[in-house]
Amino acid sequence: MEKKKLTVSELKNIRQEFQEHLTVRAGVARARVIIHMGTCGIAAGAREILNAALKALEESQSKDVIVTTSSCAGLCSSEPMATVEIQHEPPVKYINLTEEKIRKIFKEHVLGGKIVKEYALATGSETTA
């Protein structure tokens, strides 16, 4: 079987997509939504939350927001959870999420800049002095 050869146009598109991903990973993104995907989170429905967040990102056509995953946040009874980090603002941890809640958080907090207080557990650093 003969392998399909890429056209110059296809190579340029691949290069552009790759550069966009590198830019995002370099910290240029204005916001990051982290879906906690530990075993407890997955069991509580984190995959559905991730899919809803990715769909909200796609629908917004925003190029300065990252949706990513991490491991367990350590609050199994509050899963599924997400952390929203907006550049130059303290992170906000959201708990007991549903697909509807993450869509609202994405629209109001990530895109609109307003914390959705009724779903938020905590704001700020998780470190102790």
N, C-alpha and C. Protein backbone atom coordinates (compact mmCIF):
# COMPACT_ATOMS: atom_id res chain seq x y z
N MET A 1 0.84 -1.17 0.00
CA MET A 1 0.00 0.00 0.00
C MET A 1 0.90 1.25 0.00
N GLU A 2 0.57 2.19 -0.87
CA GLU A 2 1.34 3.41 -0.99
C GLU A 2 0.84 4.45 -0.01
N LYS A 3 1.78 5.10 0.68
CA LYS A 3 1.42 6.14 1.64
C LYS A 3 1.02 7.41 0.91
N LYS A 4 0.01 8.09 1.44
CA LYS A 4 -0.45 9.36 0.87
C LYS A 4 0.58 10.44 1.19
N LYS A 5 0.93 11.22 0.20
CA LYS A 5 1.86 12.32 0.40
C LYS A 5 1.08 13.58 0.74
N LEU A 6 1.62 14.36 1.67
CA LEU A 6 0.98 15.60 2.07
C LEU A 6 1.32 16.71 1.09
N THR A 7 0.36 17.58 0.87
CA THR A 7 0.60 18.74 0.02
C THR A 7 1.27 19.84 0.83
N VAL A 8 1.79 20.83 0.16
CA VAL A 8 2.43 21.96 0.83
C VAL A 8 1.39 22.67 1.70
N SER A 9 0.19 22.82 1.19
CA SER A 9 -0.90 23.47 1.94
C SER A 9 -1.21 22.70 3.22
N GLU A 10 -1.28 21.38 3.14
CA GLU A 10 -1.55 20.56 4.33
C GLU A 10 -0.42 20.69 5.34
N LEU A 11 0.81 20.72 4.88
CA LEU A 11 1.95 20.89 5.78
C LEU A 11 1.91 22.25 6.46
N LYS A 12 1.54 23.30 5.73
CA LYS A 12 1.42 24.63 6.33
C LYS A 12 0.34 24.64 7.41
N ASN A 13 -0.77 23.98 7.16
CA ASN A 13 -1.85 23.91 8.16
C ASN A 13 -1.39 23.18 9.42
N ILE A 14 -0.68 22.08 9.25
CA ILE A 14 -0.16 21.33 10.39
C ILE A 14 0.81 22.19 11.18
N ARG A 15 1.68 22.89 10.47
CA ARG A 15 2.65 23.77 11.14
C ARG A 15 1.95 24.86 11.94
N GLN A 16 0.93 25.49 11.35
CA GLN A 16 0.19 26.55 12.03
C GLN A 16 -0.50 26.03 13.29
N GLU A 17 -1.15 24.86 13.18
CA GLU A 17 -1.81 24.27 14.35
C GLU A 17 -0.80 23.96 15.44
N PHE A 18 0.35 23.40 15.07
CA PHE A 18 1.39 23.07 16.04
C PHE A 18 1.90 24.32 16.73
N GLN A 19 2.13 25.40 15.97
CA GLN A 19 2.61 26.65 16.55
C GLN A 19 1.58 27.25 17.50
N GLU A 20 0.30 27.13 17.18
CA GLU A 20 -0.74 27.63 18.08
C GLU A 20 -0.70 26.88 19.40
N HIS A 21 -0.51 25.56 19.36
CA HIS A 21 -0.42 24.77 20.58
C HIS A 21 0.82 25.14 21.40
N LEU A 22 1.92 25.38 20.72
CA LEU A 22 3.13 25.78 21.43
C LEU A 22 2.94 27.13 22.11
N THR A 23 2.27 28.05 21.44
CA THR A 23 2.02 29.37 22.01
C THR A 23 1.18 29.24 23.27
N VAL A 24 0.14 28.42 23.22
CA VAL A 24 -0.72 28.22 24.38
C VAL A 24 0.08 27.62 25.53
N ARG A 25 0.90 26.63 25.25
CA ARG A 25 1.69 26.00 26.30
C ARG A 25 2.76 26.92 26.87
N ALA A 26 3.14 27.93 26.13
CA ALA A 26 4.16 28.86 26.59
C ALA A 26 3.60 29.89 27.56
N GLY A 27 2.31 29.83 27.86
CA GLY A 27 1.73 30.72 28.85
C GLY A 27 1.04 31.94 28.28
N VAL A 28 0.81 31.95 26.97
CA VAL A 28 0.17 33.09 26.33
C VAL A 28 -1.33 33.09 26.61
N ALA A 29 -1.88 31.97 26.96
CA ALA A 29 -3.32 31.87 27.20
C ALA A 29 -3.74 32.77 28.35
N ARG A 30 -4.89 33.38 28.19
CA ARG A 30 -5.46 34.26 29.20
C ARG A 30 -6.10 33.47 30.33
N ALA A 31 -6.61 32.28 30.00
CA ALA A 31 -7.33 31.48 31.00
C ALA A 31 -7.07 30.00 30.79
N ARG A 32 -7.19 29.27 31.91
CA ARG A 32 -7.04 27.81 31.86
C ARG A 32 -8.12 27.20 32.73
N VAL A 33 -8.79 26.18 32.18
CA VAL A 33 -9.79 25.42 32.91
C VAL A 33 -9.21 24.02 33.11
N ILE A 34 -9.04 23.63 34.38
CA ILE A 34 -8.45 22.34 34.71
C ILE A 34 -9.55 21.43 35.25
N ILE A 35 -9.81 20.34 34.56
CA ILE A 35 -10.79 19.36 35.02
C ILE A 35 -10.02 18.29 35.78
N HIS A 36 -10.39 18.05 37.03
CA HIS A 36 -9.69 17.08 37.87
C HIS A 36 -10.19 15.68 37.51
N MET A 37 -9.24 14.84 37.04
CA MET A 37 -9.59 13.54 36.48
C MET A 37 -8.93 12.38 37.23
N GLY A 38 -8.90 12.47 38.55
CA GLY A 38 -8.46 11.31 39.32
C GLY A 38 -9.53 10.24 39.23
N THR A 39 -9.25 9.09 39.78
CA THR A 39 -10.21 7.98 39.75
C THR A 39 -11.56 8.39 40.33
N CYS A 40 -11.52 9.11 41.44
CA CYS A 40 -12.77 9.55 42.07
C CYS A 40 -13.53 10.52 41.18
N GLY A 41 -12.81 11.41 40.52
CA GLY A 41 -13.44 12.37 39.62
C GLY A 41 -14.07 11.69 38.42
N ILE A 42 -13.36 10.76 37.84
CA ILE A 42 -13.88 10.01 36.70
C ILE A 42 -15.15 9.25 37.10
N ALA A 43 -15.09 8.61 38.26
CA ALA A 43 -16.26 7.86 38.74
C ALA A 43 -17.46 8.78 38.99
N ALA A 44 -17.19 10.03 39.34
CA ALA A 44 -18.26 10.98 39.64
C ALA A 44 -18.77 11.71 38.39
N GLY A 45 -18.12 11.50 37.23
CA GLY A 45 -18.60 12.11 36.00
C GLY A 45 -17.69 13.14 35.38
N ALA A 46 -16.41 13.14 35.73
CA ALA A 46 -15.48 14.15 35.21
C ALA A 46 -15.32 14.09 33.69
N ARG A 47 -15.47 12.91 33.11
CA ARG A 47 -15.34 12.83 31.64
C ARG A 47 -16.43 13.66 30.95
N GLU A 48 -17.64 13.59 31.48
CA GLU A 48 -18.73 14.38 30.91
C GLU A 48 -18.47 15.88 31.09
N ILE A 49 -17.88 16.24 32.24
CA ILE A 49 -17.56 17.64 32.52
C ILE A 49 -16.48 18.11 31.53
N LEU A 50 -15.47 17.28 31.31
CA LEU A 50 -14.42 17.61 30.35
C LEU A 50 -15.00 17.81 28.96
N ASN A 51 -15.84 16.88 28.52
CA ASN A 51 -16.45 16.99 27.20
C ASN A 51 -17.29 18.26 27.08
N ALA A 52 -18.04 18.60 28.12
CA ALA A 52 -18.86 19.83 28.09
C ALA A 52 -17.97 21.07 28.04
N ALA A 53 -16.86 21.07 28.78
CA ALA A 53 -15.94 22.21 28.76
C ALA A 53 -15.29 22.36 27.38
N LEU A 54 -14.89 21.24 26.80
CA LEU A 54 -14.29 21.29 25.46
C LEU A 54 -15.29 21.78 24.42
N LYS A 55 -16.53 21.36 24.56
CA LYS A 55 -17.57 21.83 23.63
C LYS A 55 -17.81 23.33 23.80
N ALA A 56 -17.84 23.80 25.05
CA ALA A 56 -18.02 25.23 25.31
C ALA A 56 -16.85 26.02 24.71
N LEU A 57 -15.64 25.49 24.84
CA LEU A 57 -14.47 26.14 24.25
C LEU A 57 -14.60 26.22 22.74
N GLU A 58 -14.97 25.10 22.14
CA GLU A 58 -15.13 25.06 20.68
C GLU A 58 -16.19 26.05 20.22
N GLU A 59 -17.33 26.07 20.91
CA GLU A 59 -18.41 26.97 20.53
C GLU A 59 -18.03 28.44 20.70
N SER A 60 -17.19 28.73 21.69
CA SER A 60 -16.77 30.12 21.92
C SER A 60 -15.77 30.59 20.89
N GLN A 61 -15.08 29.66 20.25
CA GLN A 61 -14.02 29.95 19.28
C GLN A 61 -12.89 30.77 19.90
N SER A 62 -12.76 30.70 21.20
CA SER A 62 -11.72 31.42 21.91
C SER A 62 -10.37 30.78 21.64
N LYS A 63 -9.38 31.61 21.36
CA LYS A 63 -8.03 31.12 21.09
C LYS A 63 -7.09 31.36 22.27
N ASP A 64 -7.61 31.96 23.35
CA ASP A 64 -6.74 32.28 24.48
C ASP A 64 -7.15 31.56 25.76
N VAL A 65 -7.83 30.42 25.60
CA VAL A 65 -8.28 29.61 26.74
C VAL A 65 -7.80 28.18 26.53
N ILE A 66 -7.28 27.57 27.59
CA ILE A 66 -6.85 26.18 27.57
C ILE A 66 -7.81 25.38 28.44
N VAL A 67 -8.27 24.23 27.94
CA VAL A 67 -8.98 23.27 28.77
C VAL A 67 -8.06 22.07 28.88
N THR A 68 -7.73 21.70 30.11
CA THR A 68 -6.79 20.62 30.34
C THR A 68 -7.26 19.77 31.52
N THR A 69 -6.48 18.76 31.87
CA THR A 69 -6.84 17.87 32.97
C THR A 69 -5.70 17.79 33.97
N SER A 70 -6.03 17.33 35.16
CA SER A 70 -5.03 17.03 36.17
C SER A 70 -5.53 15.86 36.99
N SER A 71 -4.75 15.46 37.94
CA SER A 71 -5.14 14.33 38.80
C SER A 71 -6.10 14.81 39.88
N CYS A 72 -6.32 13.97 40.84
CA CYS A 72 -7.23 14.25 41.95
C CYS A 72 -6.83 15.51 42.69
N ALA A 73 -7.83 16.29 43.09
CA ALA A 73 -7.58 17.51 43.85
C ALA A 73 -7.62 17.25 45.35
N GLY A 74 -7.95 16.02 45.75
CA GLY A 74 -7.93 15.66 47.16
C GLY A 74 -9.24 15.86 47.90
N LEU A 75 -10.29 16.16 47.19
CA LEU A 75 -11.60 16.34 47.81
C LEU A 75 -12.62 15.42 47.14
N CYS A 76 -12.42 14.14 47.30
CA CYS A 76 -13.20 13.14 46.57
C CYS A 76 -14.71 13.32 46.73
N SER A 77 -15.15 13.73 47.89
CA SER A 77 -16.59 13.87 48.13
C SER A 77 -17.19 15.06 47.39
N SER A 78 -16.35 15.92 46.80
CA SER A 78 -16.84 17.10 46.09
C SER A 78 -16.68 16.99 44.57
N GLU A 79 -16.29 15.82 44.10
CA GLU A 79 -16.11 15.60 42.67
C GLU A 79 -17.46 15.50 41.97
N PRO A 80 -17.49 15.82 40.69
CA PRO A 80 -16.42 16.31 39.83
C PRO A 80 -16.08 17.77 40.12
N MET A 81 -14.79 18.08 39.91
CA MET A 81 -14.28 19.41 40.23
C MET A 81 -13.51 20.00 39.06
N ALA A 82 -13.40 21.32 39.07
CA ALA A 82 -12.57 22.03 38.09
C ALA A 82 -11.96 23.24 38.76
N THR A 83 -10.81 23.63 38.27
CA THR A 83 -10.16 24.85 38.73
C THR A 83 -10.07 25.79 37.54
N VAL A 84 -10.46 27.04 37.75
CA VAL A 84 -10.36 28.05 36.70
C VAL A 84 -9.26 29.02 37.09
N GLU A 85 -8.31 29.19 36.20
CA GLU A 85 -7.21 30.13 36.40
C GLU A 85 -7.28 31.19 35.32
N ILE A 86 -7.50 32.42 35.74
CA ILE A 86 -7.51 33.56 34.83
C ILE A 86 -6.21 34.33 35.09
N GLN A 87 -5.55 34.71 34.04
CA GLN A 87 -4.27 35.41 34.16
C GLN A 87 -4.39 36.61 35.10
N HIS A 88 -3.46 36.69 36.05
CA HIS A 88 -3.35 37.78 37.03
C HIS A 88 -4.47 37.77 38.07
N GLU A 89 -5.18 36.66 38.21
CA GLU A 89 -6.23 36.53 39.23
C GLU A 89 -6.01 35.24 40.01
N PRO A 90 -6.49 35.17 41.24
CA PRO A 90 -6.34 33.92 41.99
C PRO A 90 -7.19 32.81 41.38
N PRO A 91 -6.72 31.57 41.46
CA PRO A 91 -7.51 30.46 40.92
C PRO A 91 -8.79 30.24 41.72
N VAL A 92 -9.79 29.67 41.07
CA VAL A 92 -11.07 29.37 41.72
C VAL A 92 -11.37 27.89 41.51
N LYS A 93 -11.65 27.19 42.61
CA LYS A 93 -11.98 25.77 42.54
C LYS A 93 -13.50 25.62 42.62
N TYR A 94 -14.06 24.92 41.62
CA TYR A 94 -15.50 24.66 41.55
C TYR A 94 -15.75 23.18 41.85
N ILE A 95 -16.85 22.92 42.58
CA ILE A 95 -17.12 21.55 43.03
C ILE A 95 -18.53 21.09 42.63
N ASN A 96 -18.73 19.77 42.76
CA ASN A 96 -20.02 19.12 42.50
C ASN A 96 -20.60 19.56 41.16
N LEU A 97 -19.78 19.46 40.14
CA LEU A 97 -20.15 19.99 38.83
C LEU A 97 -21.09 19.07 38.05
N THR A 98 -21.86 19.70 37.19
CA THR A 98 -22.67 19.03 36.18
C THR A 98 -22.29 19.67 34.85
N GLU A 99 -22.76 19.11 33.77
CA GLU A 99 -22.48 19.70 32.46
C GLU A 99 -23.06 21.11 32.38
N GLU A 100 -24.23 21.30 32.90
CA GLU A 100 -24.87 22.62 32.91
C GLU A 100 -24.04 23.63 33.71
N LYS A 101 -23.55 23.20 34.87
CA LYS A 101 -22.75 24.10 35.71
C LYS A 101 -21.45 24.50 35.02
N ILE A 102 -20.75 23.56 34.38
CA ILE A 102 -19.48 23.90 33.74
C ILE A 102 -19.71 24.83 32.56
N ARG A 103 -20.83 24.67 31.85
CA ARG A 103 -21.13 25.59 30.75
C ARG A 103 -21.36 27.01 31.29
N LYS A 104 -22.06 27.11 32.43
CA LYS A 104 -22.30 28.43 33.04
C LYS A 104 -20.98 29.03 33.52
N ILE A 105 -20.13 28.22 34.15
CA ILE A 105 -18.82 28.68 34.62
C ILE A 105 -17.99 29.17 33.43
N PHE A 106 -18.01 28.41 32.35
CA PHE A 106 -17.23 28.80 31.17
C PHE A 106 -17.73 30.14 30.63
N LYS A 107 -19.03 30.28 30.50
CA LYS A 107 -19.60 31.51 29.95
C LYS A 107 -19.38 32.70 30.87
N GLU A 108 -19.71 32.54 32.15
CA GLU A 108 -19.68 33.68 33.06
C GLU A 108 -18.29 34.00 33.61
N HIS A 109 -17.53 32.96 33.99
CA HIS A 109 -16.22 33.21 34.60
C HIS A 109 -15.11 33.26 33.55
N VAL A 110 -14.97 32.20 32.78
CA VAL A 110 -13.86 32.12 31.84
C VAL A 110 -13.97 33.21 30.77
N LEU A 111 -15.14 33.35 30.18
CA LEU A 111 -15.32 34.34 29.12
C LEU A 111 -15.72 35.71 29.66
N GLY A 112 -16.54 35.72 30.73
CA GLY A 112 -17.07 36.99 31.23
C GLY A 112 -16.34 37.60 32.40
N GLY A 113 -15.46 36.84 33.06
CA GLY A 113 -14.68 37.38 34.16
C GLY A 113 -15.38 37.44 35.50
N LYS A 114 -16.58 36.88 35.62
CA LYS A 114 -17.33 36.94 36.87
C LYS A 114 -17.39 35.54 37.52
N ILE A 115 -16.88 35.42 38.73
CA ILE A 115 -16.88 34.14 39.45
C ILE A 115 -18.32 33.71 39.71
N VAL A 116 -18.59 32.43 39.49
CA VAL A 116 -19.91 31.86 39.75
C VAL A 116 -19.88 31.35 41.20
N LYS A 117 -20.21 32.24 42.12
CA LYS A 117 -20.02 31.97 43.55
C LYS A 117 -20.80 30.76 44.07
N GLU A 118 -21.98 30.51 43.52
CA GLU A 118 -22.78 29.40 44.06
C GLU A 118 -22.17 28.02 43.80
N TYR A 119 -21.20 27.92 42.88
CA TYR A 119 -20.54 26.64 42.60
C TYR A 119 -19.10 26.61 43.12
N ALA A 120 -18.60 27.73 43.62
CA ALA A 120 -17.20 27.83 44.01
C ALA A 120 -16.97 27.34 45.44
N LEU A 121 -15.92 26.56 45.62
CA LEU A 121 -15.52 26.12 46.95
C LEU A 121 -14.55 27.12 47.56
N ALA A 122 -13.55 27.53 46.77
CA ALA A 122 -12.51 28.41 47.30
C ALA A 122 -11.88 29.22 46.19
N THR A 123 -11.33 30.35 46.60
CA THR A 123 -10.60 31.21 45.68
C THR A 123 -9.22 31.46 46.28
N GLY A 124 -8.21 31.39 45.44
CA GLY A 124 -6.86 31.72 45.90
C GLY A 124 -5.95 30.52 45.98
N SER A 125 -4.81 30.75 46.58
CA SER A 125 -3.75 29.75 46.68
C SER A 125 -4.16 28.62 47.60
N GLU A 126 -3.67 27.44 47.30
CA GLU A 126 -3.94 26.27 48.13
C GLU A 126 -2.74 25.93 49.01
N THR A 127 -1.82 26.85 49.15
CA THR A 127 -0.64 26.59 49.97
C THR A 127 -0.85 27.15 51.37
N THR A 128 -0.08 26.65 52.31
CA THR A 128 -0.14 27.14 53.67
C THR A 128 1.16 27.82 54.02
N ALA A 129 1.09 28.72 54.95
CA ALA A 129 2.31 29.46 55.35
C ALA A 129 3.14 28.67 56.30
